[in-house]
Amino acid sequence: MNKKEITSKENLIDVLNLLEDLNVKYWVDGGWGVDILTGKQNRDHRDIDIDFDSKFEEVLLDALKNKGYKITTDWSPSRIELHHPELGYLDIHPLIINEDGSAKQADPHGGWYHFEANWFSCSLFEGRIIPCISAEAQKLFHSGYELREVDNIDIKNLESLFPE
C-alpha cells in the first residue's frame, strides 16, 4: 500500500485545529511555515513540521494516535514523524520553552539546538493568525546542508519577503 506523500492545505488546517483544541502551544516550521509567512501555498509539501511545547508531548501523541496517526520514525527526544493514511506525514519537534521565551530542542547527537525568543512569530494565512517560526530562523534552518529543490523554493520565497 502506498503512503500519502503530499499534505494539503486542508490537512494543515486539520492538524492546526487539533493542536488548538488541545491547547498545545505550537509553531509551524519547515515548508508549510515558509508558506504561512508568505501568506499562500507556494509548493507541494510532503509533511507538516510542528515545533511544540514538550510539556504537551504525551497529550499530543495520544490525540494523534487516536486520530489514526502511526509513528514511522522515533528520534525522541529530537523529533517524531507520524503518518496518517488520509492526512499524510506530520513531523513533530518537542521544545523546552524557557521563561524568557527562548527554547531548546534536543539534537539527535546529544546536544541542543537553541531557539531565540524572537524566532517565534505568527502570520496571517487563510484568514487566521497562525504561530510559525520567523523568516530569520527559517533562513538559518535552510543552511548547513545540501539544499534540495524544495529548499531552494523555500529560500526564494523567504527572500521575497525582504526584497533588497
N, C-alpha and C. Protein backbone atom coordinates (compact mmCIF):
# COMPACT_ATOMS: atom_id res chain seq x y z
N MET A 1 0.83 -1.19 0.00
CA MET A 1 0.00 0.00 0.00
C MET A 1 0.87 1.25 0.00
N ASN A 2 0.61 2.17 -0.91
CA ASN A 2 1.37 3.42 -0.97
C ASN A 2 0.90 4.38 0.11
N LYS A 3 1.86 5.08 0.71
CA LYS A 3 1.52 6.07 1.73
C LYS A 3 1.30 7.43 1.06
N LYS A 4 0.38 8.20 1.61
CA LYS A 4 0.11 9.54 1.10
C LYS A 4 1.36 10.38 1.27
N GLU A 5 1.85 10.95 0.16
CA GLU A 5 3.12 11.69 0.16
C GLU A 5 2.96 13.20 0.08
N ILE A 6 1.73 13.70 0.00
CA ILE A 6 1.50 15.14 -0.08
C ILE A 6 0.53 15.54 1.02
N THR A 7 0.87 16.61 1.77
CA THR A 7 -0.08 17.15 2.74
C THR A 7 -0.69 18.41 2.14
N SER A 8 -1.99 18.46 2.14
CA SER A 8 -2.72 19.59 1.55
C SER A 8 -2.93 20.70 2.58
N LYS A 9 -3.38 21.84 2.07
CA LYS A 9 -3.73 22.96 2.93
C LYS A 9 -4.83 22.52 3.92
N GLU A 10 -5.77 21.71 3.46
CA GLU A 10 -6.83 21.22 4.33
C GLU A 10 -6.27 20.30 5.42
N ASN A 11 -5.26 19.48 5.07
CA ASN A 11 -4.60 18.65 6.08
C ASN A 11 -3.92 19.52 7.14
N LEU A 12 -3.27 20.59 6.68
CA LEU A 12 -2.61 21.52 7.60
C LEU A 12 -3.64 22.11 8.57
N ILE A 13 -4.74 22.61 8.04
CA ILE A 13 -5.76 23.24 8.87
C ILE A 13 -6.32 22.22 9.88
N ASP A 14 -6.50 20.98 9.45
CA ASP A 14 -7.00 19.93 10.34
C ASP A 14 -6.03 19.72 11.51
N VAL A 15 -4.74 19.68 11.22
CA VAL A 15 -3.73 19.50 12.28
C VAL A 15 -3.72 20.71 13.21
N LEU A 16 -3.79 21.91 12.65
CA LEU A 16 -3.79 23.12 13.48
C LEU A 16 -5.02 23.16 14.38
N ASN A 17 -6.17 22.75 13.86
CA ASN A 17 -7.38 22.71 14.68
C ASN A 17 -7.22 21.74 15.84
N LEU A 18 -6.60 20.58 15.58
CA LEU A 18 -6.36 19.62 16.65
C LEU A 18 -5.45 20.22 17.73
N LEU A 19 -4.36 20.85 17.31
CA LEU A 19 -3.43 21.47 18.26
C LEU A 19 -4.14 22.52 19.11
N GLU A 20 -4.95 23.33 18.46
CA GLU A 20 -5.66 24.38 19.19
C GLU A 20 -6.73 23.80 20.11
N ASP A 21 -7.42 22.76 19.67
CA ASP A 21 -8.41 22.10 20.53
C ASP A 21 -7.76 21.53 21.79
N LEU A 22 -6.50 21.09 21.67
CA LEU A 22 -5.77 20.53 22.80
C LEU A 22 -5.08 21.62 23.64
N ASN A 23 -5.15 22.87 23.18
CA ASN A 23 -4.46 24.00 23.84
C ASN A 23 -2.95 23.79 23.90
N VAL A 24 -2.41 23.18 22.84
CA VAL A 24 -0.97 22.96 22.74
C VAL A 24 -0.32 24.22 22.16
N LYS A 25 0.72 24.70 22.81
CA LYS A 25 1.50 25.83 22.29
C LYS A 25 2.37 25.28 21.17
N TYR A 26 2.24 25.86 19.95
CA TYR A 26 2.94 25.31 18.79
C TYR A 26 3.34 26.42 17.81
N TRP A 27 4.24 26.03 16.88
CA TRP A 27 4.65 26.89 15.78
C TRP A 27 4.89 25.99 14.57
N VAL A 28 4.42 26.44 13.41
CA VAL A 28 4.65 25.69 12.18
C VAL A 28 6.04 26.07 11.67
N ASP A 29 6.78 25.07 11.23
CA ASP A 29 8.16 25.21 10.78
C ASP A 29 8.26 24.61 9.38
N GLY A 30 9.44 24.58 8.80
CA GLY A 30 9.64 23.91 7.51
C GLY A 30 8.90 24.59 6.38
N GLY A 31 8.60 23.82 5.34
CA GLY A 31 7.98 24.35 4.13
C GLY A 31 6.64 25.01 4.35
N TRP A 32 5.77 24.36 5.14
CA TRP A 32 4.48 25.00 5.42
C TRP A 32 4.68 26.27 6.22
N GLY A 33 5.69 26.30 7.10
CA GLY A 33 5.99 27.53 7.85
C GLY A 33 6.37 28.67 6.92
N VAL A 34 7.15 28.37 5.89
CA VAL A 34 7.51 29.39 4.90
C VAL A 34 6.25 29.87 4.18
N ASP A 35 5.41 28.94 3.77
CA ASP A 35 4.18 29.33 3.06
C ASP A 35 3.28 30.18 3.95
N ILE A 36 3.21 29.87 5.23
CA ILE A 36 2.41 30.68 6.15
C ILE A 36 2.99 32.09 6.22
N LEU A 37 4.31 32.21 6.28
CA LEU A 37 4.94 33.53 6.32
C LEU A 37 4.63 34.34 5.05
N THR A 38 4.56 33.67 3.90
CA THR A 38 4.28 34.39 2.64
C THR A 38 2.78 34.61 2.43
N GLY A 39 1.95 33.93 3.22
CA GLY A 39 0.51 34.12 3.13
C GLY A 39 -0.18 33.28 2.08
N LYS A 40 0.57 32.36 1.45
CA LYS A 40 -0.06 31.50 0.44
C LYS A 40 0.76 30.23 0.26
N GLN A 41 0.10 29.20 -0.26
CA GLN A 41 0.81 27.96 -0.55
C GLN A 41 1.60 28.15 -1.83
N ASN A 42 2.91 27.85 -1.77
CA ASN A 42 3.81 28.06 -2.89
C ASN A 42 4.27 26.77 -3.57
N ARG A 43 4.10 25.64 -2.89
CA ARG A 43 4.56 24.37 -3.44
C ARG A 43 3.85 23.24 -2.72
N ASP A 44 4.02 22.00 -3.23
CA ASP A 44 3.52 20.82 -2.55
C ASP A 44 4.43 20.50 -1.37
N HIS A 45 3.84 19.89 -0.35
CA HIS A 45 4.58 19.56 0.87
C HIS A 45 4.39 18.09 1.21
N ARG A 46 5.49 17.42 1.50
CA ARG A 46 5.42 16.01 1.93
C ARG A 46 4.87 15.90 3.34
N ASP A 47 5.23 16.86 4.21
CA ASP A 47 4.84 16.76 5.60
C ASP A 47 4.52 18.13 6.17
N ILE A 48 4.09 18.12 7.41
CA ILE A 48 3.86 19.33 8.19
C ILE A 48 4.82 19.26 9.36
N ASP A 49 5.67 20.28 9.51
CA ASP A 49 6.62 20.34 10.62
C ASP A 49 6.03 21.21 11.71
N ILE A 50 5.93 20.65 12.91
CA ILE A 50 5.37 21.37 14.05
C ILE A 50 6.36 21.37 15.20
N ASP A 51 6.77 22.57 15.64
CA ASP A 51 7.52 22.73 16.87
C ASP A 51 6.48 22.97 17.97
N PHE A 52 6.64 22.33 19.12
CA PHE A 52 5.62 22.47 20.16
C PHE A 52 6.25 22.37 21.55
N ASP A 53 5.53 22.89 22.53
CA ASP A 53 5.98 22.84 23.92
C ASP A 53 5.98 21.38 24.38
N SER A 54 7.15 20.90 24.77
CA SER A 54 7.30 19.48 25.13
C SER A 54 6.45 19.06 26.32
N LYS A 55 5.94 20.02 27.09
CA LYS A 55 5.06 19.66 28.21
C LYS A 55 3.80 18.94 27.71
N PHE A 56 3.48 19.13 26.43
CA PHE A 56 2.26 18.56 25.85
C PHE A 56 2.52 17.29 25.02
N GLU A 57 3.74 16.76 25.09
CA GLU A 57 4.10 15.65 24.21
C GLU A 57 3.18 14.43 24.38
N GLU A 58 2.96 14.00 25.60
CA GLU A 58 2.13 12.81 25.81
C GLU A 58 0.69 13.05 25.35
N VAL A 59 0.13 14.20 25.69
CA VAL A 59 -1.24 14.53 25.28
C VAL A 59 -1.34 14.58 23.76
N LEU A 60 -0.36 15.22 23.12
CA LEU A 60 -0.37 15.34 21.67
C LEU A 60 -0.24 13.98 20.99
N LEU A 61 0.70 13.18 21.43
CA LEU A 61 0.88 11.84 20.83
C LEU A 61 -0.37 10.98 21.00
N ASP A 62 -0.98 11.03 22.17
CA ASP A 62 -2.22 10.26 22.39
C ASP A 62 -3.31 10.71 21.42
N ALA A 63 -3.48 12.02 21.27
CA ALA A 63 -4.52 12.55 20.37
C ALA A 63 -4.24 12.18 18.92
N LEU A 64 -2.98 12.25 18.51
CA LEU A 64 -2.63 11.90 17.13
C LEU A 64 -2.87 10.42 16.87
N LYS A 65 -2.50 9.57 17.81
CA LYS A 65 -2.73 8.13 17.65
C LYS A 65 -4.23 7.84 17.61
N ASN A 66 -5.01 8.51 18.45
CA ASN A 66 -6.46 8.32 18.45
C ASN A 66 -7.08 8.78 17.13
N LYS A 67 -6.44 9.74 16.47
CA LYS A 67 -6.93 10.25 15.19
C LYS A 67 -6.54 9.32 14.03
N GLY A 68 -5.64 8.37 14.29
CA GLY A 68 -5.25 7.42 13.26
C GLY A 68 -3.82 7.55 12.78
N TYR A 69 -3.05 8.47 13.36
CA TYR A 69 -1.63 8.59 13.00
C TYR A 69 -0.85 7.42 13.62
N LYS A 70 0.18 6.99 12.91
CA LYS A 70 1.09 5.95 13.40
C LYS A 70 2.51 6.49 13.32
N ILE A 71 3.32 6.21 14.34
CA ILE A 71 4.71 6.65 14.35
C ILE A 71 5.49 5.87 13.30
N THR A 72 6.22 6.60 12.44
CA THR A 72 7.06 5.98 11.43
C THR A 72 8.55 6.15 11.74
N THR A 73 8.90 7.23 12.43
CA THR A 73 10.28 7.49 12.84
C THR A 73 10.25 8.08 14.23
N ASP A 74 10.98 7.47 15.16
CA ASP A 74 11.02 7.98 16.53
C ASP A 74 12.47 8.29 16.89
N TRP A 75 12.82 9.55 16.80
CA TRP A 75 14.14 10.02 17.21
C TRP A 75 14.01 10.83 18.49
N SER A 76 13.15 10.35 19.39
CA SER A 76 12.96 11.05 20.66
C SER A 76 14.30 11.20 21.37
N PRO A 77 14.53 12.31 22.01
CA PRO A 77 13.61 13.42 22.23
C PRO A 77 13.68 14.52 21.16
N SER A 78 14.34 14.29 20.03
CA SER A 78 14.50 15.32 19.00
C SER A 78 13.25 15.54 18.16
N ARG A 79 12.74 14.46 17.61
CA ARG A 79 11.59 14.56 16.70
C ARG A 79 10.92 13.22 16.57
N ILE A 80 9.65 13.27 16.18
CA ILE A 80 8.88 12.06 15.91
C ILE A 80 8.11 12.32 14.62
N GLU A 81 8.23 11.41 13.66
CA GLU A 81 7.45 11.52 12.43
C GLU A 81 6.31 10.51 12.49
N LEU A 82 5.12 11.00 12.12
CA LEU A 82 3.94 10.16 12.11
C LEU A 82 3.30 10.20 10.73
N HIS A 83 2.49 9.19 10.43
CA HIS A 83 1.78 9.15 9.14
C HIS A 83 0.33 8.77 9.38
N HIS A 84 -0.54 9.43 8.63
CA HIS A 84 -1.98 9.13 8.64
C HIS A 84 -2.38 8.83 7.20
N PRO A 85 -3.16 7.79 6.95
CA PRO A 85 -3.49 7.41 5.57
C PRO A 85 -4.17 8.50 4.74
N GLU A 86 -4.95 9.38 5.38
CA GLU A 86 -5.59 10.46 4.63
C GLU A 86 -4.94 11.82 4.83
N LEU A 87 -4.29 12.02 5.97
CA LEU A 87 -3.73 13.33 6.30
C LEU A 87 -2.24 13.44 6.00
N GLY A 88 -1.58 12.35 5.70
CA GLY A 88 -0.17 12.38 5.32
C GLY A 88 0.77 12.40 6.51
N TYR A 89 1.97 12.93 6.26
CA TYR A 89 3.04 12.92 7.26
C TYR A 89 3.01 14.17 8.14
N LEU A 90 3.39 13.95 9.39
CA LEU A 90 3.49 15.01 10.39
C LEU A 90 4.80 14.80 11.13
N ASP A 91 5.62 15.83 11.19
CA ASP A 91 6.93 15.75 11.85
C ASP A 91 6.88 16.70 13.04
N ILE A 92 6.86 16.14 14.25
CA ILE A 92 6.73 16.97 15.45
C ILE A 92 8.06 17.07 16.18
N HIS A 93 8.35 18.29 16.68
CA HIS A 93 9.62 18.60 17.32
C HIS A 93 9.34 19.19 18.71
N PRO A 94 9.54 18.42 19.78
CA PRO A 94 9.31 18.96 21.13
C PRO A 94 10.38 19.98 21.52
N LEU A 95 9.94 21.10 22.07
CA LEU A 95 10.84 22.16 22.53
C LEU A 95 10.68 22.34 24.03
N ILE A 96 11.78 22.62 24.69
CA ILE A 96 11.74 23.03 26.08
C ILE A 96 11.74 24.56 26.07
N ILE A 97 10.63 25.14 26.52
CA ILE A 97 10.45 26.59 26.48
C ILE A 97 11.00 27.19 27.78
N ASN A 98 11.86 28.19 27.63
CA ASN A 98 12.45 28.87 28.79
C ASN A 98 11.57 30.05 29.20
N GLU A 99 11.76 30.52 30.44
CA GLU A 99 10.97 31.64 30.96
C GLU A 99 11.10 32.89 30.12
N ASP A 100 12.26 33.11 29.49
CA ASP A 100 12.47 34.32 28.69
C ASP A 100 11.90 34.21 27.28
N GLY A 101 11.23 33.08 26.97
CA GLY A 101 10.63 32.90 25.65
C GLY A 101 11.52 32.19 24.65
N SER A 102 12.78 31.99 24.99
CA SER A 102 13.67 31.21 24.12
C SER A 102 13.34 29.73 24.35
N ALA A 103 13.97 28.87 23.57
CA ALA A 103 13.69 27.44 23.71
C ALA A 103 14.90 26.64 23.27
N LYS A 104 14.85 25.34 23.54
CA LYS A 104 15.86 24.44 23.04
C LYS A 104 15.20 23.13 22.62
N GLN A 105 15.79 22.53 21.60
CA GLN A 105 15.33 21.24 21.08
C GLN A 105 16.51 20.29 21.15
N ALA A 106 16.25 19.07 21.58
CA ALA A 106 17.32 18.07 21.66
C ALA A 106 17.87 17.78 20.27
N ASP A 107 19.17 17.70 20.19
CA ASP A 107 19.88 17.32 18.97
C ASP A 107 20.01 15.79 18.98
N PRO A 108 19.80 15.12 17.84
CA PRO A 108 19.89 13.65 17.84
C PRO A 108 21.24 13.11 18.33
N HIS A 109 22.26 13.96 18.34
CA HIS A 109 23.60 13.51 18.73
C HIS A 109 23.93 13.85 20.18
N GLY A 110 22.93 14.31 20.94
CA GLY A 110 23.14 14.54 22.36
C GLY A 110 23.27 15.99 22.77
N GLY A 111 23.37 16.90 21.83
CA GLY A 111 23.45 18.32 22.17
C GLY A 111 22.08 18.98 22.12
N TRP A 112 22.11 20.29 21.87
CA TRP A 112 20.87 21.07 21.83
C TRP A 112 20.89 22.05 20.67
N TYR A 113 19.73 22.26 20.08
CA TYR A 113 19.51 23.37 19.15
C TYR A 113 18.85 24.47 19.98
N HIS A 114 19.34 25.69 19.84
CA HIS A 114 18.79 26.80 20.63
C HIS A 114 17.96 27.72 19.73
N PHE A 115 16.80 28.10 20.23
CA PHE A 115 15.87 28.98 19.52
C PHE A 115 15.78 30.30 20.28
N GLU A 116 16.07 31.40 19.61
CA GLU A 116 15.92 32.71 20.23
C GLU A 116 14.43 33.04 20.38
N ALA A 117 14.09 33.81 21.39
CA ALA A 117 12.69 34.16 21.65
C ALA A 117 12.04 34.84 20.46
N ASN A 118 12.81 35.68 19.74
CA ASN A 118 12.22 36.42 18.61
C ASN A 118 12.04 35.56 17.36
N TRP A 119 12.41 34.30 17.42
CA TRP A 119 12.17 33.39 16.29
C TRP A 119 10.75 32.85 16.29
N PHE A 120 10.03 33.05 17.40
CA PHE A 120 8.65 32.58 17.50
C PHE A 120 7.74 33.71 17.05
N SER A 121 7.05 33.47 15.96
CA SER A 121 6.32 34.51 15.25
C SER A 121 4.90 34.03 14.96
N CYS A 122 4.18 34.80 14.17
CA CYS A 122 2.89 34.37 13.65
C CYS A 122 2.63 35.16 12.37
N SER A 123 1.72 34.63 11.56
CA SER A 123 1.42 35.27 10.29
C SER A 123 -0.01 34.93 9.88
N LEU A 124 -0.57 35.79 9.05
CA LEU A 124 -1.93 35.57 8.55
C LEU A 124 -1.90 34.62 7.35
N PHE A 125 -2.69 33.57 7.44
CA PHE A 125 -2.76 32.57 6.38
C PHE A 125 -4.18 32.02 6.36
N GLU A 126 -4.81 32.05 5.20
CA GLU A 126 -6.17 31.52 5.06
C GLU A 126 -7.14 32.13 6.08
N GLY A 127 -6.96 33.43 6.33
CA GLY A 127 -7.88 34.15 7.20
C GLY A 127 -7.69 33.93 8.68
N ARG A 128 -6.60 33.29 9.08
CA ARG A 128 -6.36 33.11 10.51
C ARG A 128 -4.90 33.38 10.83
N ILE A 129 -4.67 33.80 12.05
CA ILE A 129 -3.30 34.04 12.53
C ILE A 129 -2.75 32.71 13.00
N ILE A 130 -1.61 32.31 12.42
CA ILE A 130 -1.02 31.00 12.72
C ILE A 130 0.38 31.20 13.30
N PRO A 131 0.66 30.60 14.45
CA PRO A 131 2.01 30.65 15.00
C PRO A 131 2.99 29.93 14.07
N CYS A 132 4.13 30.56 13.84
CA CYS A 132 5.14 29.96 12.95
C CYS A 132 6.52 30.45 13.35
N ILE A 133 7.52 29.80 12.80
CA ILE A 133 8.91 30.19 13.03
C ILE A 133 9.23 31.35 12.09
N SER A 134 9.94 32.35 12.58
CA SER A 134 10.21 33.58 11.83
C SER A 134 11.01 33.32 10.56
N ALA A 135 10.95 34.29 9.66
CA ALA A 135 11.72 34.20 8.40
C ALA A 135 13.21 34.14 8.70
N GLU A 136 13.68 34.91 9.67
CA GLU A 136 15.10 34.89 10.05
C GLU A 136 15.54 33.48 10.43
N ALA A 137 14.75 32.83 11.28
CA ALA A 137 15.10 31.48 11.72
C ALA A 137 14.96 30.48 10.58
N GLN A 138 13.92 30.63 9.76
CA GLN A 138 13.72 29.72 8.63
C GLN A 138 14.93 29.79 7.68
N LYS A 139 15.44 30.99 7.43
CA LYS A 139 16.62 31.11 6.55
C LYS A 139 17.83 30.41 7.18
N LEU A 140 17.98 30.56 8.47
CA LEU A 140 19.07 29.90 9.18
C LEU A 140 18.93 28.38 9.12
N PHE A 141 17.70 27.89 9.29
CA PHE A 141 17.45 26.44 9.27
C PHE A 141 17.63 25.85 7.87
N HIS A 142 17.59 26.70 6.85
CA HIS A 142 17.80 26.25 5.47
C HIS A 142 19.27 26.44 5.07
N SER A 143 20.17 26.20 6.00
CA SER A 143 21.60 26.33 5.70
C SER A 143 22.35 25.19 6.40
N GLY A 144 23.57 24.96 5.95
CA GLY A 144 24.41 23.96 6.59
C GLY A 144 24.23 22.55 6.06
N TYR A 145 23.50 22.41 4.97
CA TYR A 145 23.32 21.10 4.35
C TYR A 145 23.09 21.30 2.86
N GLU A 146 23.19 20.22 2.11
CA GLU A 146 22.96 20.30 0.67
C GLU A 146 21.47 20.52 0.41
N LEU A 147 21.17 21.64 -0.23
CA LEU A 147 19.78 22.02 -0.44
C LEU A 147 19.13 21.19 -1.54
N ARG A 148 17.87 20.82 -1.28
CA ARG A 148 17.06 20.13 -2.28
C ARG A 148 16.28 21.18 -3.06
N GLU A 149 15.61 20.75 -4.11
CA GLU A 149 14.81 21.68 -4.92
C GLU A 149 13.78 22.41 -4.05
N VAL A 150 13.11 21.68 -3.15
CA VAL A 150 12.09 22.31 -2.30
C VAL A 150 12.71 23.35 -1.37
N ASP A 151 13.94 23.11 -0.90
CA ASP A 151 14.62 24.07 -0.04
C ASP A 151 14.92 25.35 -0.81
N ASN A 152 15.36 25.21 -2.06
CA ASN A 152 15.63 26.39 -2.88
C ASN A 152 14.37 27.20 -3.13
N ILE A 153 13.24 26.52 -3.32
CA ILE A 153 11.95 27.22 -3.47
C ILE A 153 11.64 27.98 -2.19
N ASP A 154 11.82 27.34 -1.04
CA ASP A 154 11.55 27.99 0.24
C ASP A 154 12.44 29.23 0.43
N ILE A 155 13.72 29.11 0.12
CA ILE A 155 14.64 30.25 0.26
C ILE A 155 14.21 31.40 -0.64
N LYS A 156 13.87 31.09 -1.88
CA LYS A 156 13.40 32.13 -2.81
C LYS A 156 12.16 32.84 -2.24
N ASN A 157 11.24 32.07 -1.68
CA ASN A 157 10.04 32.66 -1.09
C ASN A 157 10.35 33.47 0.16
N LEU A 158 11.29 33.01 0.97
CA LEU A 158 11.71 33.79 2.14
C LEU A 158 12.36 35.10 1.70
N GLU A 159 13.19 35.04 0.67
CA GLU A 159 13.85 36.27 0.18
C GLU A 159 12.85 37.25 -0.39
N SER A 160 11.73 36.76 -0.92
CA SER A 160 10.71 37.67 -1.47
C SER A 160 10.05 38.49 -0.36
N LEU A 161 10.16 38.04 0.88
CA LEU A 161 9.60 38.80 2.00
C LEU A 161 10.42 40.04 2.32
N PHE A 162 11.70 40.01 1.95
CA PHE A 162 12.62 41.11 2.26
C PHE A 162 13.42 41.49 1.02
N PRO A 163 12.75 42.04 -0.01
CA PRO A 163 13.49 42.39 -1.22
C PRO A 163 14.50 43.50 -0.92
N GLU A 164 15.64 43.42 -1.62
CA GLU A 164 16.71 44.41 -1.37
C GLU A 164 16.49 45.66 -2.16
